[in-house]
Amino acid sequence: MHEMGIAQELVQIALNALPADLKDPRVASLNLRIGKLSSVVPHSLTFCFEIITKDTPLESAQLNIEMVPVRIRCNTCDREWEADTPVFRCPDCEKSQIELLSGREIDIVSLELSE
């Protein structure tokens, strides 16, 4: 389950982003963008996040995940489209010289602190 390693990295990044001058900071939510090709199972990531954040400023924080679709551009005819199948061939010119625009990312968009 690679979600455990991903959760550990996300928590470490979030902890490093907390202002050092805040006394006892509490994170309300961590907002993510995760590409559909990243092979992340949102339910598994949430489960791992809950385990890892115990006794940290992120304990009880809401993990909000926005799934990012796979977007592709054809380098031959410049057509852009959203792919929902693993076949990466241009629907117009049928060439396979494509560029992946989105779908592999795992990004922290924002972190919201509790008051």
PDB file of N, CA and C in Angstrom:
ATOM      1  N   MET A   1       0.856  -1.187   0.000  1.00  0.00           N
ATOM      2  CA  MET A   1       0.000   0.000   0.000  1.00  0.00           C
ATOM      3  C   MET A   1       0.892   1.236   0.000  1.00  0.00           C
ATOM      4  N   HIS A   2       1.070   1.859  -1.160  1.00  0.00           N
ATOM      5  CA  HIS A   2       1.933   3.036  -1.233  1.00  0.00           C
ATOM      6  C   HIS A   2       1.269   4.285  -0.661  1.00  0.00           C
ATOM      7  N   GLU A   3      -0.001   4.201  -0.341  1.00  0.00           N
ATOM      8  CA  GLU A   3      -0.695   5.351   0.256  1.00  0.00           C
ATOM      9  C   GLU A   3      -0.092   5.730   1.608  1.00  0.00           C
ATOM     10  N   MET A   4       0.461   4.752   2.338  1.00  0.00           N
ATOM     11  CA  MET A   4       1.078   5.052   3.638  1.00  0.00           C
ATOM     12  C   MET A   4       2.284   5.971   3.434  1.00  0.00           C
ATOM     13  N   GLY A   5       3.132   5.664   2.466  1.00  0.00           N
ATOM     14  CA  GLY A   5       4.287   6.514   2.189  1.00  0.00           C
ATOM     15  C   GLY A   5       3.880   7.892   1.705  1.00  0.00           C
ATOM     16  N   ILE A   6       2.854   7.946   0.887  1.00  0.00           N
ATOM     17  CA  ILE A   6       2.349   9.239   0.397  1.00  0.00           C
ATOM     18  C   ILE A   6       1.796  10.052   1.562  1.00  0.00           C
ATOM     19  N   ALA A   7       1.031   9.411   2.429  1.00  0.00           N
ATOM     20  CA  ALA A   7       0.480  10.101   3.600  1.00  0.00           C
ATOM     21  C   ALA A   7       1.601  10.636   4.490  1.00  0.00           C
ATOM     22  N   GLN A   8       2.642   9.855   4.678  1.00  0.00           N
ATOM     23  CA  GLN A   8       3.780  10.306   5.503  1.00  0.00           C
ATOM     24  C   GLN A   8       4.426  11.548   4.906  1.00  0.00           C
ATOM     25  N   GLU A   9       4.628  11.546   3.602  1.00  0.00           N
ATOM     26  CA  GLU A   9       5.229  12.709   2.940  1.00  0.00           C
ATOM     27  C   GLU A   9       4.326  13.936   3.030  1.00  0.00           C
ATOM     28  N   LEU A  10       3.026  13.751   2.815  1.00  0.00           N
ATOM     29  CA  LEU A  10       2.088  14.866   2.900  1.00  0.00           C
ATOM     30  C   LEU A  10       2.082  15.471   4.300  1.00  0.00           C
ATOM     31  N   VAL A  11       2.086  14.624   5.311  1.00  0.00           N
ATOM     32  CA  VAL A  11       2.085  15.101   6.697  1.00  0.00           C
ATOM     33  C   VAL A  11       3.375  15.860   6.983  1.00  0.00           C
ATOM     34  N   GLN A  12       4.506  15.341   6.534  1.00  0.00           N
ATOM     35  CA  GLN A  12       5.781  16.021   6.766  1.00  0.00           C
ATOM     36  C   GLN A  12       5.813  17.391   6.091  1.00  0.00           C
ATOM     37  N   ILE A  13       5.333  17.460   4.858  1.00  0.00           N
ATOM     38  CA  ILE A  13       5.277  18.742   4.146  1.00  0.00           C
ATOM     39  C   ILE A  13       4.363  19.719   4.887  1.00  0.00           C
ATOM     40  N   ALA A  14       3.204  19.234   5.327  1.00  0.00           N
ATOM     41  CA  ALA A  14       2.257  20.096   6.043  1.00  0.00           C
ATOM     42  C   ALA A  14       2.848  20.581   7.366  1.00  0.00           C
ATOM     43  N   LEU A  15       3.513  19.707   8.094  1.00  0.00           N
ATOM     44  CA  LEU A  15       4.123  20.105   9.369  1.00  0.00           C
ATOM     45  C   LEU A  15       5.212  21.150   9.147  1.00  0.00           C
ATOM     46  N   ASN A  16       5.993  20.984   8.099  1.00  0.00           N
ATOM     47  CA  ASN A  16       7.052  21.953   7.788  1.00  0.00           C
ATOM     48  C   ASN A  16       6.484  23.308   7.359  1.00  0.00           C
ATOM     49  N   ALA A  17       5.250  23.318   6.867  1.00  0.00           N
ATOM     50  CA  ALA A  17       4.623  24.562   6.409  1.00  0.00           C
ATOM     51  C   ALA A  17       3.992  25.365   7.546  1.00  0.00           C
ATOM     52  N   LEU A  18       3.841  24.755   8.699  1.00  0.00           N
ATOM     53  CA  LEU A  18       3.220  25.464   9.820  1.00  0.00           C
ATOM     54  C   LEU A  18       4.155  26.567  10.313  1.00  0.00           C
ATOM     55  N   PRO A  19       3.627  27.762  10.563  1.00  0.00           N
ATOM     56  CA  PRO A  19       4.458  28.855  11.076  1.00  0.00           C
ATOM     57  C   PRO A  19       5.074  28.483  12.419  1.00  0.00           C
ATOM     58  N   ALA A  20       6.371  28.734  12.563  1.00  0.00           N
ATOM     59  CA  ALA A  20       7.092  28.357  13.783  1.00  0.00           C
ATOM     60  C   ALA A  20       6.648  29.160  14.999  1.00  0.00           C
ATOM     61  N   ASP A  21       6.086  30.350  14.773  1.00  0.00           N
ATOM     62  CA  ASP A  21       5.710  31.198  15.906  1.00  0.00           C
ATOM     63  C   ASP A  21       4.318  30.892  16.464  1.00  0.00           C
ATOM     64  N   LEU A  22       3.587  29.969  15.859  1.00  0.00           N
ATOM     65  CA  LEU A  22       2.262  29.606  16.372  1.00  0.00           C
ATOM     66  C   LEU A  22       2.400  28.646  17.538  1.00  0.00           C
ATOM     67  N   LYS A  23       1.698  28.957  18.616  1.00  0.00           N
ATOM     68  CA  LYS A  23       1.711  28.077  19.780  1.00  0.00           C
ATOM     69  C   LYS A  23       0.576  27.074  19.636  1.00  0.00           C
ATOM     70  N   ASP A  24       0.900  25.812  19.653  1.00  0.00           N
ATOM     71  CA  ASP A  24      -0.051  24.707  19.554  1.00  0.00           C
ATOM     72  C   ASP A  24      -0.981  24.835  18.339  1.00  0.00           C
ATOM     73  N   PRO A  25      -0.398  24.867  17.136  1.00  0.00           N
ATOM     74  CA  PRO A  25      -1.249  24.978  15.938  1.00  0.00           C
ATOM     75  C   PRO A  25      -2.079  23.713  15.719  1.00  0.00           C
ATOM     76  N   ARG A  26      -3.277  23.889  15.204  1.00  0.00           N
ATOM     77  CA  ARG A  26      -4.160  22.774  14.870  1.00  0.00           C
ATOM     78  C   ARG A  26      -4.613  22.975  13.438  1.00  0.00           C
ATOM     79  N   VAL A  27      -4.466  21.939  12.651  1.00  0.00           N
ATOM     80  CA  VAL A  27      -4.867  22.002  11.252  1.00  0.00           C
ATOM     81  C   VAL A  27      -6.309  21.518  11.121  1.00  0.00           C
ATOM     82  N   ALA A  28      -7.141  22.327  10.471  1.00  0.00           N
ATOM     83  CA  ALA A  28      -8.543  21.950  10.256  1.00  0.00           C
ATOM     84  C   ALA A  28      -8.691  21.085   9.013  1.00  0.00           C
ATOM     85  N   SER A  29      -7.965  21.443   7.953  1.00  0.00           N
ATOM     86  CA  SER A  29      -8.082  20.658   6.723  1.00  0.00           C
ATOM     87  C   SER A  29      -6.823  20.774   5.880  1.00  0.00           C
ATOM     88  N   LEU A  30      -6.597  19.715   5.117  1.00  0.00           N
ATOM     89  CA  LEU A  30      -5.518  19.662   4.150  1.00  0.00           C
ATOM     90  C   LEU A  30      -6.181  19.377   2.812  1.00  0.00           C
ATOM     91  N   ASN A  31      -5.991  20.286   1.851  1.00  0.00           N
ATOM     92  CA  ASN A  31      -6.665  20.194   0.554  1.00  0.00           C
ATOM     93  C   ASN A  31      -5.681  19.735  -0.513  1.00  0.00           C
ATOM     94  N   LEU A  32      -6.036  18.652  -1.194  1.00  0.00           N
ATOM     95  CA  LEU A  32      -5.144  18.023  -2.161  1.00  0.00           C
ATOM     96  C   LEU A  32      -5.758  17.969  -3.549  1.00  0.00           C
ATOM     97  N   ARG A  33      -4.886  17.894  -4.554  1.00  0.00           N
ATOM     98  CA  ARG A  33      -5.268  17.578  -5.940  1.00  0.00           C
ATOM     99  C   ARG A  33      -4.472  16.339  -6.304  1.00  0.00           C
ATOM    100  N   ILE A  34      -5.176  15.274  -6.671  1.00  0.00           N
ATOM    101  CA  ILE A  34      -4.524  14.006  -6.985  1.00  0.00           C
ATOM    102  C   ILE A  34      -4.977  13.547  -8.366  1.00  0.00           C
ATOM    103  N   GLY A  35      -4.011  13.291  -9.224  1.00  0.00           N
ATOM    104  CA  GLY A  35      -4.296  12.845 -10.583  1.00  0.00           C
ATOM    105  C   GLY A  35      -4.766  11.405 -10.612  1.00  0.00           C
ATOM    106  N   LYS A  36      -5.648  11.127 -11.555  1.00  0.00           N
ATOM    107  CA  LYS A  36      -6.201   9.776 -11.678  1.00  0.00           C
ATOM    108  C   LYS A  36      -5.146   8.739 -12.055  1.00  0.00           C
ATOM    109  N   LEU A  37      -4.042   9.154 -12.665  1.00  0.00           N
ATOM    110  CA  LEU A  37      -2.979   8.215 -13.015  1.00  0.00           C
ATOM    111  C   LEU A  37      -1.973   8.001 -11.886  1.00  0.00           C
ATOM    112  N   SER A  38      -2.160   8.671 -10.764  1.00  0.00           N
ATOM    113  CA  SER A  38      -1.213   8.543  -9.655  1.00  0.00           C
ATOM    114  C   SER A  38      -1.379   7.227  -8.899  1.00  0.00           C
ATOM    115  N   SER A  39      -2.425   6.487  -9.209  1.00  0.00           N
ATOM    116  CA  SER A  39      -2.710   5.193  -8.562  1.00  0.00           C
ATOM    117  C   SER A  39      -2.968   5.326  -7.065  1.00  0.00           C
ATOM    118  N   VAL A  40      -3.454   6.475  -6.647  1.00  0.00           N
ATOM    119  CA  VAL A  40      -3.795   6.683  -5.249  1.00  0.00           C
ATOM    120  C   VAL A  40      -5.270   6.350  -5.053  1.00  0.00           C
ATOM    121  N   VAL A  41      -5.546   5.525  -4.057  1.00  0.00           N
ATOM    122  CA  VAL A  41      -6.920   5.195  -3.689  1.00  0.00           C
ATOM    123  C   VAL A  41      -7.310   6.154  -2.573  1.00  0.00           C
ATOM    124  N   PRO A  42      -8.230   7.096  -2.844  1.00  0.00           N
ATOM    125  CA  PRO A  42      -8.566   8.122  -1.850  1.00  0.00           C
ATOM    126  C   PRO A  42      -8.943   7.559  -0.479  1.00  0.00           C
ATOM    127  N   HIS A  43      -9.739   6.501  -0.447  1.00  0.00           N
ATOM    128  CA  HIS A  43     -10.149   5.923   0.840  1.00  0.00           C
ATOM    129  C   HIS A  43      -8.935   5.400   1.613  1.00  0.00           C
ATOM    130  N   SER A  44      -8.016   4.754   0.918  1.00  0.00           N
ATOM    131  CA  SER A  44      -6.808   4.233   1.567  1.00  0.00           C
ATOM    132  C   SER A  44      -5.917   5.370   2.063  1.00  0.00           C
ATOM    133  N   LEU A  45      -5.788   6.426   1.267  1.00  0.00           N
ATOM    134  CA  LEU A  45      -4.975   7.568   1.678  1.00  0.00           C
ATOM    135  C   LEU A  45      -5.572   8.226   2.921  1.00  0.00           C
ATOM    136  N   THR A  46      -6.879   8.377   2.942  1.00  0.00           N
ATOM    137  CA  THR A  46      -7.550   8.970   4.104  1.00  0.00           C
ATOM    138  C   THR A  46      -7.330   8.117   5.344  1.00  0.00           C
ATOM    139  N   PHE A  47      -7.437   6.802   5.198  1.00  0.00           N
ATOM    140  CA  PHE A  47      -7.210   5.884   6.312  1.00  0.00           C
ATOM    141  C   PHE A  47      -5.783   6.030   6.850  1.00  0.00           C
ATOM    142  N   CYS A  48      -4.804   6.023   5.955  1.00  0.00           N
ATOM    143  CA  CYS A  48      -3.409   6.159   6.365  1.00  0.00           C
ATOM    144  C   CYS A  48      -3.148   7.525   7.002  1.00  0.00           C
ATOM    145  N   PHE A  49      -3.736   8.567   6.441  1.00  0.00           N
ATOM    146  CA  PHE A  49      -3.589   9.919   6.977  1.00  0.00           C
ATOM    147  C   PHE A  49      -4.094   9.984   8.417  1.00  0.00           C
ATOM    148  N   GLU A  50      -5.222   9.359   8.687  1.00  0.00           N
ATOM    149  CA  GLU A  50      -5.780   9.362  10.040  1.00  0.00           C
ATOM    150  C   GLU A  50      -4.856   8.664  11.026  1.00  0.00           C
ATOM    151  N   ILE A  51      -4.212   7.594  10.606  1.00  0.00           N
ATOM    152  CA  ILE A  51      -3.288   6.866  11.480  1.00  0.00           C
ATOM    153  C   ILE A  51      -2.033   7.693  11.753  1.00  0.00           C
ATOM    154  N   ILE A  52      -1.461   8.256  10.700  1.00  0.00           N
ATOM    155  CA  ILE A  52      -0.190   8.970  10.811  1.00  0.00           C
ATOM    156  C   ILE A  52      -0.318  10.279  11.576  1.00  0.00           C
ATOM    157  N   THR A  53      -1.463  10.926  11.514  1.00  0.00           N
ATOM    158  CA  THR A  53      -1.603  12.248  12.136  1.00  0.00           C
ATOM    159  C   THR A  53      -1.927  12.192  13.628  1.00  0.00           C
ATOM    160  N   LYS A  54      -2.086  11.017  14.182  1.00  0.00           N
ATOM    161  CA  LYS A  54      -2.382  10.901  15.613  1.00  0.00           C
ATOM    162  C   LYS A  54      -1.274  11.588  16.414  1.00  0.00           C
ATOM    163  N   ASP A  55      -1.677  12.395  17.380  1.00  0.00           N
ATOM    164  CA  ASP A  55      -0.770  13.139  18.261  1.00  0.00           C
ATOM    165  C   ASP A  55       0.098  14.158  17.519  1.00  0.00           C
ATOM    166  N   THR A  56      -0.421  14.692  16.418  1.00  0.00           N
ATOM    167  CA  THR A  56       0.273  15.759  15.692  1.00  0.00           C
ATOM    168  C   THR A  56      -0.712  16.926  15.528  1.00  0.00           C
ATOM    169  N   PRO A  57      -0.250  18.086  15.067  1.00  0.00           N
ATOM    170  CA  PRO A  57      -1.168  19.202  14.814  1.00  0.00           C
ATOM    171  C   PRO A  57      -2.210  18.894  13.736  1.00  0.00           C
ATOM    172  N   LEU A  58      -2.014  17.811  12.978  1.00  0.00           N
ATOM    173  CA  LEU A  58      -2.968  17.447  11.930  1.00  0.00           C
ATOM    174  C   LEU A  58      -4.011  16.433  12.402  1.00  0.00           C
ATOM    175  N   GLU A  59      -3.920  16.005  13.646  1.00  0.00           N
ATOM    176  CA  GLU A  59      -4.907  15.044  14.146  1.00  0.00           C
ATOM    177  C   GLU A  59      -6.309  15.638  14.018  1.00  0.00           C
ATOM    178  N   SER A  60      -7.225  14.873  13.511  1.00  0.00           N
ATOM    179  CA  SER A  60      -8.622  15.259  13.277  1.00  0.00           C
ATOM    180  C   SER A  60      -8.789  16.220  12.096  1.00  0.00           C
ATOM    181  N   ALA A  61      -7.729  16.497  11.363  1.00  0.00           N
ATOM    182  CA  ALA A  61      -7.856  17.366  10.185  1.00  0.00           C
ATOM    183  C   ALA A  61      -8.624  16.627   9.090  1.00  0.00           C
ATOM    184  N   GLN A  62      -9.410  17.380   8.358  1.00  0.00           N
ATOM    185  CA  GLN A  62     -10.161  16.837   7.227  1.00  0.00           C
ATOM    186  C   GLN A  62      -9.226  16.773   6.023  1.00  0.00           C
ATOM    187  N   LEU A  63      -9.173  15.624   5.366  1.00  0.00           N
ATOM    188  CA  LEU A  63      -8.393  15.479   4.146  1.00  0.00           C
ATOM    189  C   LEU A  63      -9.350  15.610   2.969  1.00  0.00           C
ATOM    190  N   ASN A  64      -9.233  16.708   2.224  1.00  0.00           N
ATOM    191  CA  ASN A  64     -10.099  16.966   1.077  1.00  0.00           C
ATOM    192  C   ASN A  64      -9.326  16.659  -0.198  1.00  0.00           C
ATOM    193  N   ILE A  65      -9.873  15.753  -0.998  1.00  0.00           N
ATOM    194  CA  ILE A  65      -9.177  15.309  -2.199  1.00  0.00           C
ATOM    195  C   ILE A  65      -9.993  15.653  -3.440  1.00  0.00           C
ATOM    196  N   GLU A  66      -9.367  16.422  -4.324  1.00  0.00           N
ATOM    197  CA  GLU A  66      -9.953  16.706  -5.636  1.00  0.00           C
ATOM    198  C   GLU A  66      -9.235  15.808  -6.640  1.00  0.00           C
ATOM    199  N   MET A  67      -9.980  14.946  -7.309  1.00  0.00           N
ATOM    200  CA  MET A  67      -9.374  14.074  -8.311  1.00  0.00           C
ATOM    201  C   MET A  67      -9.212  14.843  -9.620  1.00  0.00           C
ATOM    202  N   VAL A  68      -8.013  14.807 -10.181  1.00  0.00           N
ATOM    203  CA  VAL A  68      -7.687  15.535 -11.404  1.00  0.00           C
ATOM    204  C   VAL A  68      -7.769  14.569 -12.587  1.00  0.00           C
ATOM    205  N   PRO A  69      -8.532  14.927 -13.598  1.00  0.00           N
ATOM    206  CA  PRO A  69      -8.664  14.039 -14.758  1.00  0.00           C
ATOM    207  C   PRO A  69      -7.367  13.973 -15.571  1.00  0.00           C
ATOM    208  N   VAL A  70      -7.288  12.964 -16.402  1.00  0.00           N
ATOM    209  CA  VAL A  70      -6.162  12.809 -17.315  1.00  0.00           C
ATOM    210  C   VAL A  70      -6.441  13.688 -18.536  1.00  0.00           C
ATOM    211  N   ARG A  71      -5.597  14.710 -18.727  1.00  0.00           N
ATOM    212  CA  ARG A  71      -5.724  15.609 -19.875  1.00  0.00           C
ATOM    213  C   ARG A  71      -4.506  15.405 -20.763  1.00  0.00           C
ATOM    214  N   ILE A  72      -4.763  15.325 -22.051  1.00  0.00           N
ATOM    215  CA  ILE A  72      -3.729  15.004 -23.027  1.00  0.00           C
ATOM    216  C   ILE A  72      -3.787  16.004 -24.177  1.00  0.00           C
ATOM    217  N   ARG A  73      -2.605  16.286 -24.742  1.00  0.00           N
ATOM    218  CA  ARG A  73      -2.536  17.116 -25.949  1.00  0.00           C
ATOM    219  C   ARG A  73      -1.768  16.339 -27.011  1.00  0.00           C
ATOM    220  N   CYS A  74      -2.295  16.362 -28.206  1.00  0.00           N
ATOM    221  CA  CYS A  74      -1.634  15.727 -29.354  1.00  0.00           C
ATOM    222  C   CYS A  74      -0.557  16.680 -29.871  1.00  0.00           C
ATOM    223  N   ASN A  75       0.671  16.203 -29.959  1.00  0.00           N
ATOM    224  CA  ASN A  75       1.764  17.030 -30.476  1.00  0.00           C
ATOM    225  C   ASN A  75       1.742  17.155 -31.997  1.00  0.00           C
ATOM    226  N   THR A  76       0.897  16.368 -32.644  1.00  0.00           N
ATOM    227  CA  THR A  76       0.786  16.426 -34.099  1.00  0.00           C
ATOM    228  C   THR A  76      -0.239  17.458 -34.541  1.00  0.00           C
ATOM    229  N   CYS A  77      -1.439  17.396 -33.966  1.00  0.00           N
ATOM    230  CA  CYS A  77      -2.506  18.307 -34.411  1.00  0.00           C
ATOM    231  C   CYS A  77      -2.963  19.304 -33.335  1.00  0.00           C
ATOM    232  N   ASP A  78      -2.359  19.273 -32.153  1.00  0.00           N
ATOM    233  CA  ASP A  78      -2.651  20.192 -31.033  1.00  0.00           C
ATOM    234  C   ASP A  78      -4.017  20.011 -30.392  1.00  0.00           C
ATOM    235  N   ARG A  79      -4.706  18.948 -30.681  1.00  0.00           N
ATOM    236  CA  ARG A  79      -5.996  18.676 -30.035  1.00  0.00           C
ATOM    237  C   ARG A  79      -5.740  18.350 -28.564  1.00  0.00           C
ATOM    238  N   GLU A  80      -6.592  18.863 -27.673  1.00  0.00           N
ATOM    239  CA  GLU A  80      -6.554  18.520 -26.254  1.00  0.00           C
ATOM    240  C   GLU A  80      -7.830  17.791 -25.907  1.00  0.00           C
ATOM    241  N   TRP A  81      -7.702  16.785 -25.034  1.00  0.00           N
ATOM    242  CA  TRP A  81      -8.882  16.039 -24.609  1.00  0.00           C
ATOM    243  C   TRP A  81      -8.646  15.399 -23.258  1.00  0.00           C
ATOM    244  N   GLU A  82      -9.741  14.960 -22.670  1.00  0.00           N
ATOM    245  CA  GLU A  82      -9.718  14.254 -21.401  1.00  0.00           C
ATOM    246  C   GLU A  82      -9.853  12.770 -21.699  1.00  0.00           C
ATOM    247  N   ALA A  83      -8.920  11.984 -21.189  1.00  0.00           N
ATOM    248  CA  ALA A  83      -8.922  10.547 -21.464  1.00  0.00           C
ATOM    249  C   ALA A  83      -9.580   9.790 -20.318  1.00  0.00           C
ATOM    250  N   ASP A  84     -10.405   8.839 -20.680  1.00  0.00           N
ATOM    251  CA  ASP A  84     -11.021   7.983 -19.660  1.00  0.00           C
ATOM    252  C   ASP A  84     -10.696   6.511 -19.907  1.00  0.00           C
ATOM    253  N   THR A  85      -9.804   6.269 -20.861  1.00  0.00           N
ATOM    254  CA  THR A  85      -9.333   4.918 -21.147  1.00  0.00           C
ATOM    255  C   THR A  85      -7.814   4.948 -21.189  1.00  0.00           C
ATOM    256  N   PRO A  86      -7.156   3.806 -21.060  1.00  0.00           N
ATOM    257  CA  PRO A  86      -5.690   3.781 -21.079  1.00  0.00           C
ATOM    258  C   PRO A  86      -5.075   3.856 -22.480  1.00  0.00           C
ATOM    259  N   VAL A  87      -5.878   4.105 -23.501  1.00  0.00           N
ATOM    260  CA  VAL A  87      -5.365   4.241 -24.862  1.00  0.00           C
ATOM    261  C   VAL A  87      -5.086   5.719 -25.116  1.00  0.00           C
ATOM    262  N   PHE A  88      -3.823   6.049 -25.367  1.00  0.00           N
ATOM    263  CA  PHE A  88      -3.452   7.447 -25.551  1.00  0.00           C
ATOM    264  C   PHE A  88      -3.113   7.707 -27.017  1.00  0.00           C
ATOM    265  N   ARG A  89      -4.155   7.758 -27.793  1.00  0.00           N
ATOM    266  CA  ARG A  89      -4.041   8.041 -29.215  1.00  0.00           C
ATOM    267  C   ARG A  89      -5.023   9.174 -29.518  1.00  0.00           C
ATOM    268  N   CYS A  90      -4.594  10.104 -30.320  1.00  0.00           N
ATOM    269  CA  CYS A  90      -5.432  11.259 -30.636  1.00  0.00           C
ATOM    270  C   CYS A  90      -6.733  10.812 -31.308  1.00  0.00           C
ATOM    271  N   PRO A  91      -7.867  11.291 -30.816  1.00  0.00           N
ATOM    272  CA  PRO A  91      -9.141  10.924 -31.434  1.00  0.00           C
ATOM    273  C   PRO A  91      -9.350  11.560 -32.809  1.00  0.00           C
ATOM    274  N   ASP A  92      -8.580  12.602 -33.125  1.00  0.00           N
ATOM    275  CA  ASP A  92      -8.715  13.254 -34.435  1.00  0.00           C
ATOM    276  C   ASP A  92      -7.767  12.662 -35.473  1.00  0.00           C
ATOM    277  N   CYS A  93      -6.467  12.769 -35.219  1.00  0.00           N
ATOM    278  CA  CYS A  93      -5.491  12.336 -36.227  1.00  0.00           C
ATOM    279  C   CYS A  93      -4.981  10.917 -36.001  1.00  0.00           C
ATOM    280  N   GLU A  94      -5.334  10.324 -34.867  1.00  0.00           N
ATOM    281  CA  GLU A  94      -4.976   8.949 -34.496  1.00  0.00           C
ATOM    282  C   GLU A  94      -3.474   8.728 -34.331  1.00  0.00           C
ATOM    283  N   LYS A  95      -2.713   9.796 -34.133  1.00  0.00           N
ATOM    284  CA  LYS A  95      -1.278   9.681 -33.863  1.00  0.00           C
ATOM    285  C   LYS A  95      -1.075   9.466 -32.363  1.00  0.00           C
ATOM    286  N   SER A  96       0.086   8.921 -32.028  1.00  0.00           N
ATOM    287  CA  SER A  96       0.391   8.633 -30.628  1.00  0.00           C
ATOM    288  C   SER A  96       1.451   9.557 -30.048  1.00  0.00           C
ATOM    289  N   GLN A  97       1.779  10.633 -30.753  1.00  0.00           N
ATOM    290  CA  GLN A  97       2.727  11.602 -30.212  1.00  0.00           C
ATOM    291  C   GLN A  97       1.953  12.575 -29.332  1.00  0.00           C
ATOM    292  N   ILE A  98       1.844  12.215 -28.076  1.00  0.00           N
ATOM    293  CA  ILE A  98       1.001  12.986 -27.160  1.00  0.00           C
ATOM    294  C   ILE A  98       1.836  13.517 -25.998  1.00  0.00           C
ATOM    295  N   GLU A  99       1.252  14.495 -25.321  1.00  0.00           N
ATOM    296  CA  GLU A  99       1.849  15.064 -24.124  1.00  0.00           C
ATOM    297  C   GLU A  99       0.815  14.981 -23.009  1.00  0.00           C
ATOM    298  N   LEU A 100       1.197  14.440 -21.890  1.00  0.00           N
ATOM    299  CA  LEU A 100       0.310  14.335 -20.738  1.00  0.00           C
ATOM    300  C   LEU A 100       0.296  15.675 -20.015  1.00  0.00           C
ATOM    301  N   LEU A 101      -0.859  16.328 -19.954  1.00  0.00           N
ATOM    302  CA  LEU A 101      -0.980  17.646 -19.329  1.00  0.00           C
ATOM    303  C   LEU A 101      -1.319  17.554 -17.851  1.00  0.00           C
ATOM    304  N   SER A 102      -2.110  16.571 -17.492  1.00  0.00           N
ATOM    305  CA  SER A 102      -2.469  16.378 -16.080  1.00  0.00           C
ATOM    306  C   SER A 102      -2.881  14.934 -15.867  1.00  0.00           C
ATOM    307  N   GLY A 103      -2.871  14.550 -14.596  1.00  0.00           N
ATOM    308  CA  GLY A 103      -3.318  13.209 -14.247  1.00  0.00           C
ATOM    309  C   GLY A 103      -2.350  12.446 -13.366  1.00  0.00           C
ATOM    310  N   ARG A 104      -1.119  12.947 -13.210  1.00  0.00           N
ATOM    311  CA  ARG A 104      -0.146  12.248 -12.374  1.00  0.00           C
ATOM    312  C   ARG A 104       0.190  12.997 -11.093  1.00  0.00           C
ATOM    313  N   GLU A 105      -0.360  14.166 -10.905  1.00  0.00           N
ATOM    314  CA  GLU A 105       0.039  15.016  -9.794  1.00  0.00           C
ATOM    315  C   GLU A 105      -0.490  14.531  -8.440  1.00  0.00           C
ATOM    316  N   ILE A 106       0.259  14.879  -7.414  1.00  0.00           N
ATOM    317  CA  ILE A 106      -0.171  14.764  -6.023  1.00  0.00           C
ATOM    318  C   ILE A 106       0.281  16.082  -5.397  1.00  0.00           C
ATOM    319  N   ASP A 107      -0.643  17.016  -5.283  1.00  0.00           N
ATOM    320  CA  ASP A 107      -0.311  18.371  -4.839  1.00  0.00           C
ATOM    321  C   ASP A 107      -1.098  18.759  -3.600  1.00  0.00           C
ATOM    322  N   ILE A 108      -0.414  19.447  -2.693  1.00  0.00           N
ATOM    323  CA  ILE A 108      -1.106  20.090  -1.588  1.00  0.00           C
ATOM    324  C   ILE A 108      -1.505  21.470  -2.105  1.00  0.00           C
ATOM    325  N   VAL A 109      -2.801  21.733  -2.132  1.00  0.00           N
ATOM    326  CA  VAL A 109      -3.317  23.006  -2.617  1.00  0.00           C
ATOM    327  C   VAL A 109      -3.304  24.042  -1.493  1.00  0.00           C
ATOM    328  N   SER A 110      -3.774  23.622  -0.324  1.00  0.00           N
ATOM    329  CA  SER A 110      -3.811  24.541   0.805  1.00  0.00           C
ATOM    330  C   SER A 110      -3.929  23.758   2.107  1.00  0.00           C
ATOM    331  N   LEU A 111      -3.643  24.465   3.165  1.00  0.00           N
ATOM    332  CA  LEU A 111      -3.733  23.943   4.522  1.00  0.00           C
ATOM    333  C   LEU A 111      -4.495  24.979   5.323  1.00  0.00           C
ATOM    334  N   GLU A 112      -5.553  24.577   6.003  1.00  0.00           N
ATOM    335  CA  GLU A 112      -6.359  25.520   6.773  1.00  0.00           C
ATOM    336  C   GLU A 112      -6.197  25.223   8.251  1.00  0.00           C
ATOM    337  N   LEU A 113      -5.912  26.269   9.017  1.00  0.00           N
ATOM    338  CA  LEU A 113      -5.717  26.127  10.458  1.00  0.00           C
ATOM    339  C   LEU A 113      -7.026  26.335  11.199  1.00  0.00           C
ATOM    340  N   SER A 114      -7.147  25.647  12.320  1.00  0.00           N
ATOM    341  CA  SER A 114      -8.292  25.862  13.215  1.00  0.00           C
ATOM    342  C   SER A 114      -8.063  27.161  13.982  1.00  0.00           C
ATOM    343  N   GLU A 115      -9.141  27.758  14.406  1.00  0.00           N
ATOM    344  CA  GLU A 115      -9.001  29.000  15.186  1.00  0.00           C
ATOM    345  C   GLU A 115      -8.727  28.702  16.627  1.00  0.00           C
TER     346      GLU A 115
END
